[in-house]
Amino acid sequence: MRQRHEKITDLDTTTVKFLSLQQLAEVLNVARRTLYYHAEKGALKVVKRGGVRRVPIAEARRYASAA
């Protein structure tokens, strides 16, 4: 069963250390597949935690400011 993730509305005020690609997609209002594409190309740095790709919050902020 899939776990629900915390709803993130602002990258600057969140206290989490890592975001799922789905959470970041919701914040940036883009498709999750777009983030997978950028991760594959190296424009978005992700780490694998527990077999799932996660984006460190600092990287999410950098990526959002560059977009």
N, C-alpha and C. Protein backbone atom coordinates (compact mmCIF):
# COMPACT_ATOMS: atom_id res chain seq x y z
N MET A 1 0.83 -1.18 0.00
CA MET A 1 0.00 0.00 0.00
C MET A 1 0.88 1.25 0.00
N ARG A 2 0.50 2.21 -0.78
CA ARG A 2 1.27 3.43 -0.92
C ARG A 2 1.03 4.36 0.26
N GLN A 3 2.11 4.96 0.75
CA GLN A 3 1.99 5.91 1.83
C GLN A 3 1.69 7.29 1.27
N ARG A 4 0.85 8.00 1.96
CA ARG A 4 0.58 9.39 1.55
C ARG A 4 1.74 10.27 2.00
N HIS A 5 2.04 11.25 1.19
CA HIS A 5 3.14 12.14 1.54
C HIS A 5 2.59 13.46 2.05
N GLU A 6 3.44 14.14 2.78
CA GLU A 6 3.08 15.43 3.35
C GLU A 6 2.90 16.46 2.24
N LYS A 7 1.87 17.26 2.33
CA LYS A 7 1.61 18.30 1.35
C LYS A 7 2.57 19.46 1.59
N ILE A 8 3.40 19.76 0.61
CA ILE A 8 4.38 20.85 0.69
C ILE A 8 3.87 21.98 -0.19
N THR A 9 3.80 23.18 0.38
CA THR A 9 3.34 24.32 -0.41
C THR A 9 4.44 25.33 -0.69
N ASP A 10 5.47 25.35 0.16
CA ASP A 10 6.54 26.33 -0.01
C ASP A 10 7.88 25.69 0.32
N LEU A 11 8.79 25.71 -0.62
CA LEU A 11 10.11 25.10 -0.42
C LEU A 11 10.94 25.85 0.62
N ASP A 12 10.70 27.13 0.80
CA ASP A 12 11.50 27.93 1.71
C ASP A 12 11.13 27.72 3.18
N THR A 13 9.90 27.31 3.45
CA THR A 13 9.47 27.17 4.84
C THR A 13 9.32 25.73 5.30
N THR A 14 9.52 24.77 4.43
CA THR A 14 9.35 23.37 4.80
C THR A 14 10.48 22.91 5.72
N THR A 15 10.17 21.94 6.56
CA THR A 15 11.17 21.42 7.49
C THR A 15 11.68 20.04 7.08
N VAL A 16 11.17 19.49 5.99
CA VAL A 16 11.61 18.16 5.55
C VAL A 16 12.99 18.29 4.90
N LYS A 17 13.73 17.18 4.91
CA LYS A 17 15.08 17.18 4.34
C LYS A 17 15.10 16.67 2.91
N PHE A 18 14.13 15.82 2.56
CA PHE A 18 14.05 15.24 1.23
C PHE A 18 12.62 15.31 0.74
N LEU A 19 12.47 15.47 -0.58
CA LEU A 19 11.15 15.46 -1.21
C LEU A 19 11.08 14.30 -2.19
N SER A 20 9.91 13.75 -2.35
CA SER A 20 9.71 12.79 -3.43
C SER A 20 9.57 13.59 -4.72
N LEU A 21 9.73 12.93 -5.83
CA LEU A 21 9.56 13.63 -7.10
C LEU A 21 8.12 14.09 -7.26
N GLN A 22 7.18 13.33 -6.71
CA GLN A 22 5.76 13.71 -6.77
C GLN A 22 5.52 15.00 -5.97
N GLN A 23 6.10 15.10 -4.78
CA GLN A 23 5.95 16.31 -3.98
C GLN A 23 6.53 17.52 -4.70
N LEU A 24 7.72 17.37 -5.27
CA LEU A 24 8.34 18.48 -5.99
C LEU A 24 7.53 18.86 -7.22
N ALA A 25 6.99 17.88 -7.91
CA ALA A 25 6.16 18.15 -9.08
C ALA A 25 4.93 18.96 -8.69
N GLU A 26 4.33 18.65 -7.55
CA GLU A 26 3.15 19.38 -7.09
C GLU A 26 3.50 20.82 -6.73
N VAL A 27 4.65 21.02 -6.08
CA VAL A 27 5.07 22.38 -5.71
C VAL A 27 5.35 23.22 -6.95
N LEU A 28 6.03 22.62 -7.93
CA LEU A 28 6.43 23.35 -9.13
C LEU A 28 5.35 23.37 -10.21
N ASN A 29 4.29 22.59 -9.98
CA ASN A 29 3.19 22.49 -10.95
C ASN A 29 3.68 21.99 -12.31
N VAL A 30 4.47 20.92 -12.27
CA VAL A 30 4.94 20.27 -13.49
C VAL A 30 4.63 18.78 -13.38
N ALA A 31 4.76 18.08 -14.47
CA ALA A 31 4.54 16.64 -14.47
C ALA A 31 5.71 15.93 -13.79
N ARG A 32 5.40 14.87 -13.07
CA ARG A 32 6.44 14.08 -12.42
C ARG A 32 7.43 13.55 -13.44
N ARG A 33 6.97 13.17 -14.60
CA ARG A 33 7.83 12.65 -15.66
C ARG A 33 8.87 13.69 -16.10
N THR A 34 8.50 14.95 -16.07
CA THR A 34 9.44 16.02 -16.40
C THR A 34 10.63 16.00 -15.45
N LEU A 35 10.36 15.77 -14.18
CA LEU A 35 11.43 15.73 -13.19
C LEU A 35 12.30 14.49 -13.38
N TYR A 36 11.69 13.36 -13.73
CA TYR A 36 12.48 12.16 -14.03
C TYR A 36 13.40 12.44 -15.21
N TYR A 37 12.89 13.12 -16.23
CA TYR A 37 13.69 13.46 -17.41
C TYR A 37 14.89 14.31 -17.01
N HIS A 38 14.66 15.36 -16.21
CA HIS A 38 15.74 16.24 -15.79
C HIS A 38 16.74 15.51 -14.89
N ALA A 39 16.25 14.57 -14.09
CA ALA A 39 17.15 13.78 -13.25
C ALA A 39 18.03 12.89 -14.12
N GLU A 40 17.46 12.29 -15.14
CA GLU A 40 18.23 11.44 -16.05
C GLU A 40 19.29 12.24 -16.80
N LYS A 41 18.99 13.47 -17.15
CA LYS A 41 19.93 14.33 -17.88
C LYS A 41 20.95 15.00 -16.97
N GLY A 42 20.74 14.93 -15.65
CA GLY A 42 21.69 15.51 -14.71
C GLY A 42 21.36 16.93 -14.27
N ALA A 43 20.27 17.48 -14.75
CA ALA A 43 19.89 18.84 -14.37
C ALA A 43 19.28 18.90 -12.97
N LEU A 44 18.78 17.76 -12.49
CA LEU A 44 18.21 17.64 -11.15
C LEU A 44 18.91 16.48 -10.47
N LYS A 45 19.58 16.77 -9.38
CA LYS A 45 20.31 15.71 -8.67
C LYS A 45 19.38 15.03 -7.67
N VAL A 46 19.31 13.71 -7.77
CA VAL A 46 18.46 12.92 -6.87
C VAL A 46 19.31 11.86 -6.19
N VAL A 47 18.82 11.38 -5.06
CA VAL A 47 19.46 10.28 -4.35
C VAL A 47 18.42 9.18 -4.20
N LYS A 48 18.90 7.96 -4.12
CA LYS A 48 18.00 6.84 -3.90
C LYS A 48 17.99 6.50 -2.42
N ARG A 49 16.82 6.51 -1.83
CA ARG A 49 16.65 6.15 -0.42
C ARG A 49 15.54 5.12 -0.34
N GLY A 50 15.90 3.95 0.11
CA GLY A 50 14.91 2.89 0.22
C GLY A 50 14.37 2.47 -1.13
N GLY A 51 15.18 2.55 -2.16
CA GLY A 51 14.75 2.17 -3.50
C GLY A 51 13.89 3.22 -4.21
N VAL A 52 13.75 4.38 -3.59
CA VAL A 52 12.92 5.45 -4.15
C VAL A 52 13.79 6.68 -4.35
N ARG A 53 13.59 7.36 -5.45
CA ARG A 53 14.36 8.58 -5.70
C ARG A 53 13.81 9.72 -4.86
N ARG A 54 14.72 10.43 -4.21
CA ARG A 54 14.37 11.58 -3.39
C ARG A 54 15.26 12.75 -3.79
N VAL A 55 14.72 13.95 -3.62
CA VAL A 55 15.45 15.17 -3.94
C VAL A 55 15.78 15.88 -2.63
N PRO A 56 17.06 16.12 -2.35
CA PRO A 56 17.40 16.90 -1.15
C PRO A 56 16.77 18.29 -1.26
N ILE A 57 16.32 18.83 -0.15
CA ILE A 57 15.60 20.10 -0.17
C ILE A 57 16.46 21.22 -0.75
N ALA A 58 17.75 21.22 -0.48
CA ALA A 58 18.63 22.26 -1.04
C ALA A 58 18.66 22.17 -2.56
N GLU A 59 18.69 20.96 -3.09
CA GLU A 59 18.68 20.76 -4.54
C GLU A 59 17.33 21.18 -5.13
N ALA A 60 16.25 20.90 -4.41
CA ALA A 60 14.92 21.30 -4.87
C ALA A 60 14.82 22.82 -4.96
N ARG A 61 15.37 23.49 -3.98
CA ARG A 61 15.36 24.97 -3.99
C ARG A 61 16.19 25.50 -5.15
N ARG A 62 17.37 24.91 -5.37
CA ARG A 62 18.24 25.33 -6.49
C ARG A 62 17.54 25.12 -7.82
N TYR A 63 16.93 23.95 -7.99
CA TYR A 63 16.26 23.62 -9.23
C TYR A 63 15.07 24.56 -9.47
N ALA A 64 14.30 24.85 -8.42
CA ALA A 64 13.14 25.72 -8.55
C ALA A 64 13.55 27.14 -8.92
N SER A 65 14.66 27.61 -8.37
CA SER A 65 15.10 28.98 -8.67
C SER A 65 15.66 29.08 -10.10
N ALA A 66 16.18 27.97 -10.62
CA ALA A 66 16.73 27.97 -11.97
C ALA A 66 15.64 27.83 -13.03
N ALA A 67 14.50 27.31 -12.63
CA ALA A 67 13.42 27.05 -13.60
C ALA A 67 12.66 28.30 -13.96
